[in-house]
Structure formats: structure tokens, C-alpha cells
Amino acid sequence: MVTAPLMQEILVAAVQDRRHVIVDLSGVTFMDAQGLSALLTAYRHGHGRRGSLQVEGVSAQIARLFRITKTDAILRVDAAG
């Protein structure tokens, strides 16, 4: 909740520079709607501008969140280990 706005700002800037951004969530144990929104906002800013966003190291709990919200149909998501 506290870091989501900063994460969003950094990710949006990176994908707008037409970069392929890989977000490593292997150290993340909890994600709420704000974190999810930050990832999706960055994806939208990069999509169509040659930037891309990929999420790796996703725990079972966060993968479940992505499935429930159908975010895994939008973002490229690679599960942990």
C-alpha cells in the first residue's frame, strides 16, 4: 500500500522508454489492489509503445490473485520456482 505509487511511477517510466521490464515478485508475500493496479497501469503505458511488462517469481498466493482478477490473461506471469 505504501510502496505501490512509487513502484507504479518507476515502472511506467521504464516501459515508456520502450524497455522490456521484468518485475521480480519473488520477495513479495502480499499484494493488494493497489499493487495490482500499479502493475496494470505500467502495462497499459507500455502497451503500444514497444515497452512490455513481465512478472516473474510469483508466489502461489499472488498467482491466485492474478487468476481471480484475470490479470494473468493480460500480463505475462511466470510462477516462482
C-alpha atoms as a PDB file:
ATOM      1  CA  MET A   1       0.000   0.000   0.000  1.00  0.00           C
ATOM      2  CA  VAL A   2       2.796   2.383   0.881  1.00  0.00           C
ATOM      3  CA  THR A   3       5.139   1.472  -1.977  1.00  0.00           C
ATOM      4  CA  ALA A   4       2.586   0.991  -4.793  1.00  0.00           C
ATOM      5  CA  PRO A   5       2.596   4.629  -6.008  1.00  0.00           C
ATOM      6  CA  LEU A   6       6.401   4.721  -6.215  1.00  0.00           C
ATOM      7  CA  MET A   7       6.505   1.304  -7.893  1.00  0.00           C
ATOM      8  CA  GLN A   8       3.943   2.495 -10.427  1.00  0.00           C
ATOM      9  CA  GLU A   9       5.916   5.651 -11.182  1.00  0.00           C
ATOM     10  CA  ILE A  10       9.149   3.720 -11.737  1.00  0.00           C
ATOM     11  CA  LEU A  11       7.522   1.012 -13.881  1.00  0.00           C
ATOM     12  CA  VAL A  12       5.609   3.486 -16.047  1.00  0.00           C
ATOM     13  CA  ALA A  13       8.797   5.454 -16.730  1.00  0.00           C
ATOM     14  CA  ALA A  14      10.658   2.274 -17.625  1.00  0.00           C
ATOM     15  CA  VAL A  15       8.079   0.901 -20.060  1.00  0.00           C
ATOM     16  CA  GLN A  16       7.567   4.320 -21.649  1.00  0.00           C
ATOM     17  CA  ASP A  17      11.262   4.267 -22.526  1.00  0.00           C
ATOM     18  CA  ARG A  18      10.364   1.286 -24.747  1.00  0.00           C
ATOM     19  CA  ARG A  19      12.000  -1.187 -22.477  1.00  0.00           C
ATOM     20  CA  HIS A  20      11.096  -4.762 -21.672  1.00  0.00           C
ATOM     21  CA  VAL A  21      10.606  -4.648 -17.918  1.00  0.00           C
ATOM     22  CA  ILE A  22      10.714  -7.768 -15.767  1.00  0.00           C
ATOM     23  CA  VAL A  23       9.208  -7.382 -12.319  1.00  0.00           C
ATOM     24  CA  ASP A  24      10.568  -9.937  -9.838  1.00  0.00           C
ATOM     25  CA  LEU A  25       7.946 -10.594  -7.174  1.00  0.00           C
ATOM     26  CA  SER A  26       9.801 -13.468  -5.510  1.00  0.00           C
ATOM     27  CA  GLY A  27      10.200 -11.447  -2.304  1.00  0.00           C
ATOM     28  CA  VAL A  28       6.594 -10.273  -2.236  1.00  0.00           C
ATOM     29  CA  THR A  29       4.346 -12.119   0.198  1.00  0.00           C
ATOM     30  CA  PHE A  30       1.237  -9.929  -0.083  1.00  0.00           C
ATOM     31  CA  MET A  31      -0.275  -7.827  -2.853  1.00  0.00           C
ATOM     32  CA  ASP A  32      -3.478  -5.843  -2.708  1.00  0.00           C
ATOM     33  CA  ALA A  33      -5.498  -3.939  -5.286  1.00  0.00           C
ATOM     34  CA  GLN A  34      -3.053  -1.024  -5.263  1.00  0.00           C
ATOM     35  CA  GLY A  35      -0.125  -3.240  -6.220  1.00  0.00           C
ATOM     36  CA  LEU A  36      -2.202  -4.904  -8.909  1.00  0.00           C
ATOM     37  CA  SER A  37      -3.303  -1.506 -10.208  1.00  0.00           C
ATOM     38  CA  ALA A  38       0.312  -0.299 -10.350  1.00  0.00           C
ATOM     39  CA  LEU A  39       1.304  -3.284 -12.495  1.00  0.00           C
ATOM     40  CA  LEU A  40      -1.683  -2.857 -14.819  1.00  0.00           C
ATOM     41  CA  THR A  41      -1.116   0.885 -15.172  1.00  0.00           C
ATOM     42  CA  ALA A  42       2.506   0.273 -16.168  1.00  0.00           C
ATOM     43  CA  TYR A  43       1.386  -2.406 -18.630  1.00  0.00           C
ATOM     44  CA  ARG A  44      -1.108  -0.006 -20.246  1.00  0.00           C
ATOM     45  CA  HIS A  45       1.524   2.722 -20.586  1.00  0.00           C
ATOM     46  CA  GLY A  46       3.970   0.344 -22.246  1.00  0.00           C
ATOM     47  CA  HIS A  47       1.478  -1.470 -24.461  1.00  0.00           C
ATOM     48  CA  GLY A  48       1.591   0.021 -27.937  1.00  0.00           C
ATOM     49  CA  ARG A  49       4.796   1.948 -27.246  1.00  0.00           C
ATOM     50  CA  ARG A  50       7.099  -1.033 -27.737  1.00  0.00           C
ATOM     51  CA  GLY A  51       7.514  -1.341 -23.993  1.00  0.00           C
ATOM     52  CA  SER A  52       6.460  -4.512 -22.245  1.00  0.00           C
ATOM     53  CA  LEU A  53       5.975  -5.794 -18.753  1.00  0.00           C
ATOM     54  CA  GLN A  54       6.568  -9.300 -17.476  1.00  0.00           C
ATOM     55  CA  VAL A  55       6.038 -10.556 -13.922  1.00  0.00           C
ATOM     56  CA  GLU A  56       8.244 -13.336 -12.523  1.00  0.00           C
ATOM     57  CA  GLY A  57       8.717 -15.159  -9.250  1.00  0.00           C
ATOM     58  CA  VAL A  58       5.034 -15.079  -8.407  1.00  0.00           C
ATOM     59  CA  SER A  59       4.063 -16.993  -5.255  1.00  0.00           C
ATOM     60  CA  ALA A  60       1.026 -19.272  -5.203  1.00  0.00           C
ATOM     61  CA  GLN A  61      -0.934 -16.662  -3.227  1.00  0.00           C
ATOM     62  CA  ILE A  62      -0.231 -13.860  -5.688  1.00  0.00           C
ATOM     63  CA  ALA A  63      -0.788 -16.181  -8.662  1.00  0.00           C
ATOM     64  CA  ARG A  64      -4.230 -16.877  -7.193  1.00  0.00           C
ATOM     65  CA  LEU A  65      -4.919 -13.121  -7.064  1.00  0.00           C
ATOM     66  CA  PHE A  66      -3.876 -12.831 -10.718  1.00  0.00           C
ATOM     67  CA  ARG A  67      -6.175 -15.742 -11.669  1.00  0.00           C
ATOM     68  CA  ILE A  68      -9.165 -14.423  -9.719  1.00  0.00           C
ATOM     69  CA  THR A  69      -8.825 -10.957 -11.262  1.00  0.00           C
ATOM     70  CA  LYS A  70      -7.955 -12.406 -14.684  1.00  0.00           C
ATOM     71  CA  THR A  71      -4.772 -10.336 -14.654  1.00  0.00           C
ATOM     72  CA  ASP A  72      -2.877 -13.418 -15.798  1.00  0.00           C
ATOM     73  CA  ALA A  73      -4.719 -13.084 -19.123  1.00  0.00           C
ATOM     74  CA  ILE A  74      -3.278  -9.581 -19.564  1.00  0.00           C
ATOM     75  CA  LEU A  75       0.234  -9.742 -18.111  1.00  0.00           C
ATOM     76  CA  ARG A  76       2.856 -12.356 -18.836  1.00  0.00           C
ATOM     77  CA  VAL A  77       3.149 -14.076 -15.462  1.00  0.00           C
ATOM     78  CA  ASP A  78       5.778 -16.699 -14.584  1.00  0.00           C
ATOM     79  CA  ALA A  79       5.355 -18.524 -11.292  1.00  0.00           C
ATOM     80  CA  ALA A  80       8.133 -18.987  -8.759  1.00  0.00           C
ATOM     81  CA  GLY A  81      10.486 -21.945  -8.918  1.00  0.00           C
END
